[in-house]
Amino acid sequence: ESCIDLILQNVRQKILNRPLLVRVVDAYGLRKADLFGKSDPFAVVHYENEEYGRTQVINESLDPFWGATALQEIDKSLFKLPPAVTQNPELHVDVFDWDMMDGDEDFLGKVRIPFEILHDLRRATSKKALGCHLTPGPEYFQ
């Protein structure tokens, strides 16, 4: 291996060893899953095949916004993920329609975000927090 490869591996490992904060903000264009009304969506966050939590249920919405819980005492839209164990971790967010009967939730949608995109998003978020302006590319919206 070249010196550059070793440096890149070292940098990647340092990034993987950091915990990650993820906020589920919203979803849009979900399908109607309830017989009467719209859907009652909630999101489930998985990282490296382990569940880290669920957002609150937003009643009667096809375009849920979970970001509002950031202002509540218990923020059910923010998830702290531990340092990665694998070399290519992937964040999974699945959205379901809540039903009164446990286990009867209807699947509404999902997003899968691989390590490289998570790292790019982390860097873009950090730069934005520092006052820099960075326009994300179209890969963030696929």
N, C-alpha and C. Protein backbone atom coordinates (compact mmCIF):
# COMPACT_ATOMS: atom_id res chain seq x y z
N GLU A 1 0.84 -1.18 0.00
CA GLU A 1 0.00 0.00 0.00
C GLU A 1 0.88 1.25 0.00
N SER A 2 0.38 2.25 -0.67
CA SER A 2 1.14 3.50 -0.71
C SER A 2 0.92 4.30 0.57
N CYS A 3 1.75 5.28 0.75
CA CYS A 3 1.65 6.17 1.90
C CYS A 3 0.30 6.90 1.91
N ILE A 4 -0.15 7.31 0.73
CA ILE A 4 -1.44 8.01 0.62
C ILE A 4 -2.59 7.09 1.02
N ASP A 5 -2.54 5.83 0.60
CA ASP A 5 -3.58 4.87 0.99
C ASP A 5 -3.64 4.70 2.50
N LEU A 6 -2.48 4.63 3.13
CA LEU A 6 -2.44 4.48 4.59
C LEU A 6 -3.00 5.72 5.29
N ILE A 7 -2.68 6.88 4.77
CA ILE A 7 -3.22 8.13 5.34
C ILE A 7 -4.74 8.15 5.20
N LEU A 8 -5.25 7.79 4.02
CA LEU A 8 -6.70 7.78 3.80
C LEU A 8 -7.39 6.77 4.71
N GLN A 9 -6.80 5.62 4.90
CA GLN A 9 -7.37 4.62 5.81
C GLN A 9 -7.41 5.15 7.24
N ASN A 10 -6.36 5.82 7.64
CA ASN A 10 -6.29 6.39 8.98
C ASN A 10 -7.36 7.46 9.18
N VAL A 11 -7.53 8.32 8.20
CA VAL A 11 -8.55 9.37 8.27
C VAL A 11 -9.95 8.74 8.34
N ARG A 12 -10.19 7.76 7.47
CA ARG A 12 -11.49 7.07 7.47
C ARG A 12 -11.77 6.45 8.83
N GLN A 13 -10.77 5.80 9.41
CA GLN A 13 -10.95 5.15 10.71
C GLN A 13 -11.27 6.17 11.80
N LYS A 14 -10.60 7.32 11.76
CA LYS A 14 -10.87 8.38 12.74
C LYS A 14 -12.31 8.88 12.61
N ILE A 15 -12.79 9.00 11.39
CA ILE A 15 -14.18 9.44 11.16
C ILE A 15 -15.15 8.39 11.66
N LEU A 16 -14.86 7.12 11.37
CA LEU A 16 -15.74 6.03 11.82
C LEU A 16 -15.79 5.94 13.34
N ASN A 17 -14.73 6.35 14.02
CA ASN A 17 -14.66 6.25 15.47
C ASN A 17 -15.41 7.36 16.20
N ARG A 18 -15.99 8.28 15.46
CA ARG A 18 -16.73 9.38 16.08
C ARG A 18 -18.22 9.02 16.20
N PRO A 19 -18.86 9.42 17.30
CA PRO A 19 -20.31 9.24 17.37
C PRO A 19 -20.98 10.20 16.38
N LEU A 20 -22.22 9.95 16.07
CA LEU A 20 -22.93 10.72 15.07
C LEU A 20 -24.29 11.13 15.61
N LEU A 21 -24.64 12.40 15.49
CA LEU A 21 -25.97 12.87 15.84
C LEU A 21 -26.79 13.01 14.57
N VAL A 22 -27.97 12.41 14.57
CA VAL A 22 -28.84 12.43 13.39
C VAL A 22 -30.21 12.94 13.81
N ARG A 23 -30.73 13.89 13.06
CA ARG A 23 -32.09 14.38 13.31
C ARG A 23 -32.97 14.00 12.12
N VAL A 24 -34.09 13.36 12.41
CA VAL A 24 -35.08 13.07 11.38
C VAL A 24 -36.01 14.29 11.35
N VAL A 25 -35.99 15.00 10.24
CA VAL A 25 -36.72 16.26 10.17
C VAL A 25 -38.12 16.09 9.57
N ASP A 26 -38.21 15.48 8.39
CA ASP A 26 -39.52 15.40 7.75
C ASP A 26 -39.55 14.32 6.68
N ALA A 27 -40.72 14.11 6.15
CA ALA A 27 -40.94 13.25 4.99
C ALA A 27 -42.07 13.91 4.21
N TYR A 28 -42.16 13.59 2.94
CA TYR A 28 -43.25 14.21 2.18
C TYR A 28 -43.71 13.27 1.08
N GLY A 29 -44.98 13.45 0.70
CA GLY A 29 -45.56 12.64 -0.36
C GLY A 29 -45.84 11.20 0.03
N LEU A 30 -46.06 10.96 1.32
CA LEU A 30 -46.37 9.60 1.76
C LEU A 30 -47.75 9.20 1.27
N ARG A 31 -47.98 7.90 1.17
CA ARG A 31 -49.28 7.42 0.71
C ARG A 31 -50.27 7.37 1.88
N LYS A 32 -51.52 7.42 1.55
CA LYS A 32 -52.61 7.32 2.52
C LYS A 32 -52.73 5.85 2.91
N ALA A 33 -52.58 5.56 4.20
CA ALA A 33 -52.61 4.17 4.65
C ALA A 33 -53.82 3.84 5.52
N ASP A 34 -54.50 4.86 6.02
CA ASP A 34 -55.66 4.62 6.87
C ASP A 34 -56.95 4.61 6.04
N LEU A 35 -57.89 3.80 6.47
CA LEU A 35 -59.17 3.71 5.77
C LEU A 35 -59.88 5.06 5.81
N PHE A 36 -59.91 5.66 6.99
CA PHE A 36 -60.49 7.00 7.14
C PHE A 36 -59.36 7.94 7.52
N GLY A 37 -59.19 9.01 6.79
CA GLY A 37 -58.12 9.94 7.09
C GLY A 37 -56.90 9.68 6.22
N LYS A 38 -55.78 10.17 6.67
CA LYS A 38 -54.54 10.09 5.89
C LYS A 38 -53.67 8.96 6.44
N SER A 39 -52.50 9.28 6.95
CA SER A 39 -51.62 8.33 7.61
C SER A 39 -51.18 8.94 8.93
N ASP A 40 -50.69 8.11 9.82
CA ASP A 40 -50.15 8.55 11.10
C ASP A 40 -48.69 8.10 11.15
N PRO A 41 -47.81 8.80 10.41
CA PRO A 41 -46.44 8.31 10.23
C PRO A 41 -45.53 8.50 11.45
N PHE A 42 -44.60 7.55 11.55
CA PHE A 42 -43.47 7.67 12.47
C PHE A 42 -42.27 7.03 11.78
N ALA A 43 -41.08 7.44 12.17
CA ALA A 43 -39.85 6.92 11.55
C ALA A 43 -39.07 6.08 12.56
N VAL A 44 -38.42 5.05 12.05
CA VAL A 44 -37.58 4.17 12.86
C VAL A 44 -36.15 4.29 12.33
N VAL A 45 -35.19 4.56 13.23
CA VAL A 45 -33.80 4.77 12.85
C VAL A 45 -32.97 3.53 13.20
N HIS A 46 -32.29 3.00 12.17
CA HIS A 46 -31.37 1.87 12.34
C HIS A 46 -29.98 2.29 11.86
N TYR A 47 -28.97 1.85 12.57
CA TYR A 47 -27.58 2.10 12.17
C TYR A 47 -26.81 0.82 12.44
N GLU A 48 -26.19 0.31 11.41
CA GLU A 48 -25.45 -0.94 11.51
C GLU A 48 -26.35 -2.06 12.06
N ASN A 49 -27.55 -2.14 11.51
CA ASN A 49 -28.53 -3.19 11.82
C ASN A 49 -29.04 -3.18 13.25
N GLU A 50 -28.91 -2.06 13.94
CA GLU A 50 -29.44 -1.94 15.29
C GLU A 50 -30.39 -0.76 15.37
N GLU A 51 -31.54 -0.95 16.00
CA GLU A 51 -32.50 0.14 16.13
C GLU A 51 -32.06 1.10 17.22
N TYR A 52 -32.09 2.41 16.89
CA TYR A 52 -31.69 3.44 17.85
C TYR A 52 -32.84 4.31 18.30
N GLY A 53 -34.01 4.08 17.78
CA GLY A 53 -35.16 4.83 18.26
C GLY A 53 -36.19 5.10 17.20
N ARG A 54 -37.25 5.76 17.66
CA ARG A 54 -38.39 6.08 16.81
C ARG A 54 -38.81 7.52 17.08
N THR A 55 -39.27 8.16 16.03
CA THR A 55 -39.81 9.50 16.20
C THR A 55 -41.19 9.39 16.82
N GLN A 56 -41.76 10.52 17.16
CA GLN A 56 -43.15 10.50 17.61
C GLN A 56 -44.04 10.30 16.40
N VAL A 57 -45.26 9.88 16.65
CA VAL A 57 -46.26 9.72 15.59
C VAL A 57 -46.84 11.09 15.28
N ILE A 58 -46.92 11.42 13.99
CA ILE A 58 -47.58 12.65 13.55
C ILE A 58 -48.93 12.23 12.98
N ASN A 59 -49.99 12.61 13.64
CA ASN A 59 -51.33 12.18 13.24
C ASN A 59 -51.82 12.89 11.98
N GLU A 60 -52.51 12.11 11.15
CA GLU A 60 -53.22 12.64 9.98
C GLU A 60 -52.33 13.49 9.07
N SER A 61 -51.25 12.90 8.56
CA SER A 61 -50.34 13.66 7.70
C SER A 61 -49.73 12.78 6.62
N LEU A 62 -49.60 13.35 5.43
CA LEU A 62 -48.86 12.70 4.36
C LEU A 62 -47.50 13.39 4.17
N ASP A 63 -47.31 14.49 4.90
CA ASP A 63 -46.06 15.26 4.87
C ASP A 63 -45.63 15.58 6.30
N PRO A 64 -45.26 14.55 7.09
CA PRO A 64 -44.96 14.79 8.51
C PRO A 64 -43.70 15.62 8.72
N PHE A 65 -43.74 16.45 9.75
CA PHE A 65 -42.60 17.27 10.15
C PHE A 65 -42.27 16.93 11.60
N TRP A 66 -41.16 16.23 11.80
CA TRP A 66 -40.74 15.83 13.14
C TRP A 66 -39.80 16.86 13.75
N GLY A 67 -39.28 17.78 12.97
CA GLY A 67 -38.33 18.77 13.46
C GLY A 67 -38.86 19.62 14.60
N ALA A 68 -40.18 19.76 14.70
CA ALA A 68 -40.78 20.58 15.76
C ALA A 68 -40.49 20.00 17.14
N THR A 69 -40.23 18.69 17.23
CA THR A 69 -39.95 18.10 18.55
C THR A 69 -38.61 18.56 19.10
N ALA A 70 -37.79 19.20 18.28
CA ALA A 70 -36.50 19.71 18.75
C ALA A 70 -36.69 20.74 19.85
N LEU A 71 -37.85 21.38 19.89
CA LEU A 71 -38.12 22.41 20.88
C LEU A 71 -38.77 21.86 22.14
N GLN A 72 -39.08 20.58 22.15
CA GLN A 72 -39.72 19.96 23.31
C GLN A 72 -38.68 19.45 24.29
N GLU A 73 -39.11 19.22 25.52
CA GLU A 73 -38.19 18.74 26.55
C GLU A 73 -37.54 17.41 26.16
N ILE A 74 -38.33 16.50 25.61
CA ILE A 74 -37.80 15.23 25.11
C ILE A 74 -37.84 15.29 23.59
N ASP A 75 -36.67 15.35 22.99
CA ASP A 75 -36.55 15.49 21.54
C ASP A 75 -36.57 14.11 20.89
N LYS A 76 -37.72 13.74 20.30
CA LYS A 76 -37.85 12.41 19.70
C LYS A 76 -37.47 12.41 18.23
N SER A 77 -36.79 13.47 17.78
CA SER A 77 -36.33 13.47 16.40
C SER A 77 -34.80 13.39 16.31
N LEU A 78 -34.13 13.42 17.45
CA LEU A 78 -32.66 13.42 17.49
C LEU A 78 -32.16 12.08 18.04
N PHE A 79 -31.19 11.51 17.31
CA PHE A 79 -30.67 10.20 17.68
C PHE A 79 -29.15 10.26 17.74
N LYS A 80 -28.59 9.76 18.84
CA LYS A 80 -27.13 9.70 18.97
C LYS A 80 -26.69 8.29 18.59
N LEU A 81 -25.90 8.21 17.54
CA LEU A 81 -25.41 6.92 17.05
C LEU A 81 -23.97 6.74 17.52
N PRO A 82 -23.61 5.54 17.94
CA PRO A 82 -22.26 5.31 18.44
C PRO A 82 -21.24 5.26 17.30
N PRO A 83 -19.97 5.24 17.64
CA PRO A 83 -18.95 5.05 16.60
C PRO A 83 -19.24 3.76 15.82
N ALA A 84 -18.92 3.77 14.56
CA ALA A 84 -19.20 2.62 13.69
C ALA A 84 -18.33 1.43 14.06
N VAL A 85 -18.89 0.26 13.87
CA VAL A 85 -18.15 -0.98 14.10
C VAL A 85 -17.63 -1.52 12.78
N THR A 86 -18.42 -1.38 11.73
CA THR A 86 -18.03 -1.87 10.41
C THR A 86 -17.33 -0.76 9.62
N GLN A 87 -16.73 -1.11 8.50
CA GLN A 87 -16.03 -0.14 7.67
C GLN A 87 -16.97 0.63 6.74
N ASN A 88 -18.16 0.11 6.50
CA ASN A 88 -19.12 0.78 5.60
C ASN A 88 -20.49 0.84 6.24
N PRO A 89 -20.63 1.59 7.34
CA PRO A 89 -21.92 1.65 8.00
C PRO A 89 -22.96 2.34 7.12
N GLU A 90 -24.21 2.02 7.37
CA GLU A 90 -25.29 2.63 6.60
C GLU A 90 -26.42 2.98 7.56
N LEU A 91 -26.94 4.19 7.40
CA LEU A 91 -28.07 4.65 8.20
C LEU A 91 -29.35 4.28 7.46
N HIS A 92 -30.29 3.65 8.17
CA HIS A 92 -31.58 3.30 7.60
C HIS A 92 -32.66 4.05 8.37
N VAL A 93 -33.54 4.72 7.64
CA VAL A 93 -34.70 5.34 8.25
C VAL A 93 -35.92 4.80 7.51
N ASP A 94 -36.77 4.08 8.24
CA ASP A 94 -37.98 3.50 7.67
C ASP A 94 -39.18 4.25 8.25
N VAL A 95 -40.16 4.52 7.42
CA VAL A 95 -41.35 5.25 7.85
C VAL A 95 -42.55 4.30 7.77
N PHE A 96 -43.32 4.29 8.85
CA PHE A 96 -44.49 3.43 8.96
C PHE A 96 -45.71 4.24 9.35
N ASP A 97 -46.87 3.68 9.08
CA ASP A 97 -48.14 4.24 9.54
C ASP A 97 -48.48 3.56 10.86
N TRP A 98 -48.66 4.34 11.90
CA TRP A 98 -48.99 3.79 13.21
C TRP A 98 -50.44 3.34 13.22
N ASP A 99 -50.67 2.19 13.82
CA ASP A 99 -52.02 1.68 14.03
C ASP A 99 -52.17 1.28 15.48
N MET A 100 -53.40 1.32 15.98
CA MET A 100 -53.65 0.97 17.38
C MET A 100 -53.22 -0.46 17.71
N MET A 101 -53.40 -1.36 16.76
CA MET A 101 -53.03 -2.75 17.01
C MET A 101 -51.53 -2.90 16.81
N ASP A 102 -50.83 -3.29 17.88
CA ASP A 102 -49.38 -3.46 17.82
C ASP A 102 -48.97 -4.42 16.71
N GLY A 103 -47.92 -4.06 15.97
CA GLY A 103 -47.42 -4.93 14.92
C GLY A 103 -48.19 -4.84 13.62
N ASP A 104 -49.17 -3.95 13.58
CA ASP A 104 -50.01 -3.83 12.39
C ASP A 104 -49.65 -2.57 11.58
N GLU A 105 -48.42 -2.06 11.77
CA GLU A 105 -48.00 -0.85 11.08
C GLU A 105 -47.80 -1.11 9.59
N ASP A 106 -48.23 -0.16 8.77
CA ASP A 106 -48.04 -0.26 7.32
C ASP A 106 -46.76 0.46 6.94
N PHE A 107 -45.97 -0.15 6.07
CA PHE A 107 -44.74 0.45 5.57
C PHE A 107 -45.09 1.58 4.61
N LEU A 108 -44.45 2.75 4.81
CA LEU A 108 -44.72 3.91 3.95
C LEU A 108 -43.52 4.34 3.11
N GLY A 109 -42.32 4.08 3.55
CA GLY A 109 -41.16 4.50 2.78
C GLY A 109 -39.88 4.30 3.56
N LYS A 110 -38.75 4.52 2.87
CA LYS A 110 -37.45 4.33 3.51
C LYS A 110 -36.41 5.20 2.82
N VAL A 111 -35.32 5.41 3.55
CA VAL A 111 -34.13 6.03 2.98
C VAL A 111 -32.93 5.28 3.54
N ARG A 112 -31.94 5.07 2.68
CA ARG A 112 -30.69 4.41 3.07
C ARG A 112 -29.56 5.39 2.75
N ILE A 113 -28.73 5.67 3.75
CA ILE A 113 -27.66 6.64 3.55
C ILE A 113 -26.33 5.96 3.87
N PRO A 114 -25.49 5.72 2.86
CA PRO A 114 -24.20 5.07 3.09
C PRO A 114 -23.20 6.00 3.77
N PHE A 115 -22.11 5.40 4.26
CA PHE A 115 -21.09 6.13 5.01
C PHE A 115 -20.59 7.38 4.30
N GLU A 116 -20.28 7.29 3.02
CA GLU A 116 -19.70 8.44 2.31
C GLU A 116 -20.65 9.64 2.33
N ILE A 117 -21.92 9.39 2.14
CA ILE A 117 -22.90 10.49 2.16
C ILE A 117 -23.07 11.01 3.58
N LEU A 118 -23.08 10.11 4.58
CA LEU A 118 -23.16 10.56 5.97
C LEU A 118 -21.99 11.49 6.30
N HIS A 119 -20.81 11.10 5.85
CA HIS A 119 -19.63 11.93 6.10
C HIS A 119 -19.76 13.28 5.39
N ASP A 120 -20.21 13.28 4.15
CA ASP A 120 -20.40 14.55 3.42
C ASP A 120 -21.43 15.43 4.11
N LEU A 121 -22.51 14.82 4.58
CA LEU A 121 -23.55 15.59 5.28
C LEU A 121 -23.01 16.15 6.59
N ARG A 122 -22.24 15.35 7.30
CA ARG A 122 -21.65 15.82 8.56
C ARG A 122 -20.75 17.02 8.29
N ARG A 123 -19.91 16.91 7.25
CA ARG A 123 -19.00 18.01 6.92
C ARG A 123 -19.78 19.25 6.50
N ALA A 124 -20.81 19.08 5.68
CA ALA A 124 -21.62 20.21 5.23
C ALA A 124 -22.34 20.87 6.40
N THR A 125 -22.84 20.06 7.32
CA THR A 125 -23.54 20.59 8.50
C THR A 125 -22.57 21.34 9.39
N SER A 126 -21.38 20.81 9.56
CA SER A 126 -20.37 21.49 10.39
C SER A 126 -19.98 22.83 9.78
N LYS A 127 -19.77 22.86 8.48
CA LYS A 127 -19.40 24.11 7.81
C LYS A 127 -20.53 25.13 7.92
N LYS A 128 -21.77 24.67 7.78
CA LYS A 128 -22.91 25.57 7.88
C LYS A 128 -23.00 26.14 9.29
N ALA A 129 -22.75 25.29 10.28
CA ALA A 129 -22.78 25.74 11.68
C ALA A 129 -21.70 26.78 11.95
N LEU A 130 -20.61 26.69 11.22
CA LEU A 130 -19.52 27.66 11.39
C LEU A 130 -19.74 28.93 10.57
N GLY A 131 -20.86 29.01 9.85
CA GLY A 131 -21.16 30.21 9.09
C GLY A 131 -20.74 30.17 7.64
N CYS A 132 -20.19 29.05 7.19
CA CYS A 132 -19.81 28.91 5.79
C CYS A 132 -21.03 28.49 4.98
N HIS A 133 -21.05 28.89 3.73
CA HIS A 133 -22.17 28.52 2.87
C HIS A 133 -21.71 27.43 1.92
N LEU A 134 -22.42 26.30 1.95
CA LEU A 134 -22.08 25.16 1.11
C LEU A 134 -23.36 24.64 0.49
N THR A 135 -23.40 24.55 -0.81
CA THR A 135 -24.58 24.04 -1.48
C THR A 135 -24.39 22.55 -1.73
N PRO A 136 -25.25 21.69 -1.13
CA PRO A 136 -25.09 20.26 -1.36
C PRO A 136 -25.44 19.90 -2.80
N GLY A 137 -24.77 18.88 -3.31
CA GLY A 137 -25.02 18.42 -4.66
C GLY A 137 -26.27 17.57 -4.75
N PRO A 138 -26.64 17.18 -5.96
CA PRO A 138 -27.87 16.43 -6.17
C PRO A 138 -27.85 15.03 -5.54
N GLU A 139 -26.67 14.50 -5.18
CA GLU A 139 -26.63 13.17 -4.59
C GLU A 139 -27.36 13.11 -3.24
N TYR A 140 -27.55 14.26 -2.59
CA TYR A 140 -28.25 14.28 -1.31
C TYR A 140 -29.74 14.10 -1.46
N PHE A 141 -30.25 14.24 -2.64
CA PHE A 141 -31.69 14.22 -2.83
C PHE A 141 -32.18 13.00 -3.59
N GLN A 142 -31.34 12.00 -3.74
CA GLN A 142 -31.75 10.79 -4.45
C GLN A 142 -32.56 9.88 -3.57
